[in-house]
Amino acid sequence: MRFEFDPGKSAANLAKHGIDFVEPQRLWDDPRLFIFVARTEEETRYLAVGQLGDRCWSAVYTPRRDRVRLISVRHARRLEIERYESQ
């Protein structure tokens, strides 16, 4: 899978959430990756919840042709973790 992202937004995400947009690309290697449609009024966005190491992370993204465009990444919220673990 190919990924794209704004380098400035990746740096801002690192400062705010402690993770850039490079490492979270490995979320798509998680066989239990949980994806659902995120609420938005602009474009269709999705929330992917998966595990990296011992933490669950949530990545907001939008599909672009043959790529995944990362928009933000943060620690998964309790309800997101529960959905991930219940599948």
Protein backbone atom coordinates (compact mmCIF):
# COMPACT_ATOMS: atom_id res chain seq x y z
CA MET A 1 0.00 0.00 0.00
CA ARG A 2 1.26 3.48 -0.83
CA PHE A 3 0.88 6.43 1.50
CA GLU A 4 1.07 10.19 1.16
CA PHE A 5 0.90 13.02 3.65
CA ASP A 6 1.76 16.64 4.20
CA PRO A 7 5.22 16.79 5.87
CA GLY A 8 4.26 19.93 7.81
CA LYS A 9 1.13 18.25 9.15
CA SER A 10 3.21 15.19 10.07
CA ALA A 11 5.58 17.38 12.11
CA ALA A 12 2.63 19.10 13.80
CA ASN A 13 1.10 15.70 14.61
CA LEU A 14 4.41 14.60 16.16
CA ALA A 15 4.44 17.68 18.39
CA LYS A 16 0.80 17.27 19.41
CA HIS A 17 0.37 13.47 19.64
CA GLY A 18 3.94 12.14 19.89
CA ILE A 19 3.87 10.32 16.55
CA ASP A 20 4.52 11.41 12.97
CA PHE A 21 2.92 9.93 9.84
CA VAL A 22 5.72 7.47 8.97
CA GLU A 23 5.44 4.85 11.73
CA PRO A 24 1.61 4.63 11.61
CA GLN A 25 1.81 3.30 8.06
CA ARG A 26 2.55 -0.04 9.76
CA LEU A 27 -1.01 -0.04 11.15
CA TRP A 28 -2.09 -1.51 7.80
CA ASP A 29 0.09 -4.57 8.57
CA ASP A 30 -2.11 -5.35 11.59
CA PRO A 31 -4.37 -8.28 10.58
CA ARG A 32 -6.98 -7.00 13.06
CA LEU A 33 -7.01 -3.44 11.66
CA PHE A 34 -10.49 -2.01 12.24
CA ILE A 35 -11.77 0.59 9.77
CA PHE A 36 -14.96 2.61 9.85
CA VAL A 37 -16.29 5.77 8.23
CA ALA A 38 -15.47 8.93 10.17
CA ARG A 39 -17.95 11.79 10.42
CA THR A 40 -17.08 14.70 8.15
CA GLU A 41 -18.85 17.20 5.96
CA GLU A 42 -16.03 17.62 3.45
CA GLU A 43 -14.64 14.46 1.88
CA THR A 44 -15.13 10.83 2.82
CA ARG A 45 -12.73 10.00 5.62
CA TYR A 46 -12.05 6.81 7.46
CA LEU A 47 -10.71 5.95 10.89
CA ALA A 48 -8.32 3.01 11.08
CA VAL A 49 -7.67 1.54 14.52
CA GLY A 50 -4.75 -0.81 14.96
CA GLN A 51 -1.89 -1.72 17.21
CA LEU A 52 1.73 -0.59 17.10
CA GLY A 53 3.76 -2.19 19.85
CA ASP A 54 1.67 -2.20 23.01
CA ARG A 55 -0.57 0.77 22.09
CA CYS A 56 -3.64 1.17 19.93
CA TRP A 57 -3.58 4.10 17.53
CA SER A 58 -6.26 5.75 15.43
CA ALA A 59 -5.41 7.14 12.01
CA VAL A 60 -7.78 9.37 10.06
CA TYR A 61 -7.25 9.01 6.33
CA THR A 62 -8.85 9.39 2.95
CA PRO A 63 -8.28 7.18 -0.10
CA ARG A 64 -6.69 8.96 -3.06
CA ARG A 65 -6.52 6.97 -6.29
CA ASP A 66 -3.97 4.24 -5.48
CA ARG A 67 -2.82 5.77 -2.18
CA VAL A 68 -3.83 6.39 1.39
CA ARG A 69 -3.56 10.05 2.45
CA LEU A 70 -2.94 10.31 6.19
CA ILE A 71 -4.67 13.25 7.86
CA SER A 72 -4.04 12.68 11.57
CA VAL A 73 -2.91 10.00 14.01
CA ARG A 74 -3.51 9.83 17.77
CA HIS A 75 -3.83 7.35 20.62
CA ALA A 76 -7.04 5.41 20.20
CA ARG A 77 -9.93 6.37 22.47
CA ARG A 78 -11.44 3.86 24.88
CA LEU A 79 -14.47 3.07 22.68
CA GLU A 80 -12.23 2.65 19.61
CA ILE A 81 -10.04 0.21 21.55
CA GLU A 82 -13.13 -1.72 22.68
CA ARG A 83 -14.33 -2.04 19.07
CA TYR A 84 -10.86 -3.12 17.96
CA GLU A 85 -10.57 -5.74 20.70
CA SER A 86 -14.11 -7.08 20.25
CA GLN A 87 -13.66 -8.17 16.64
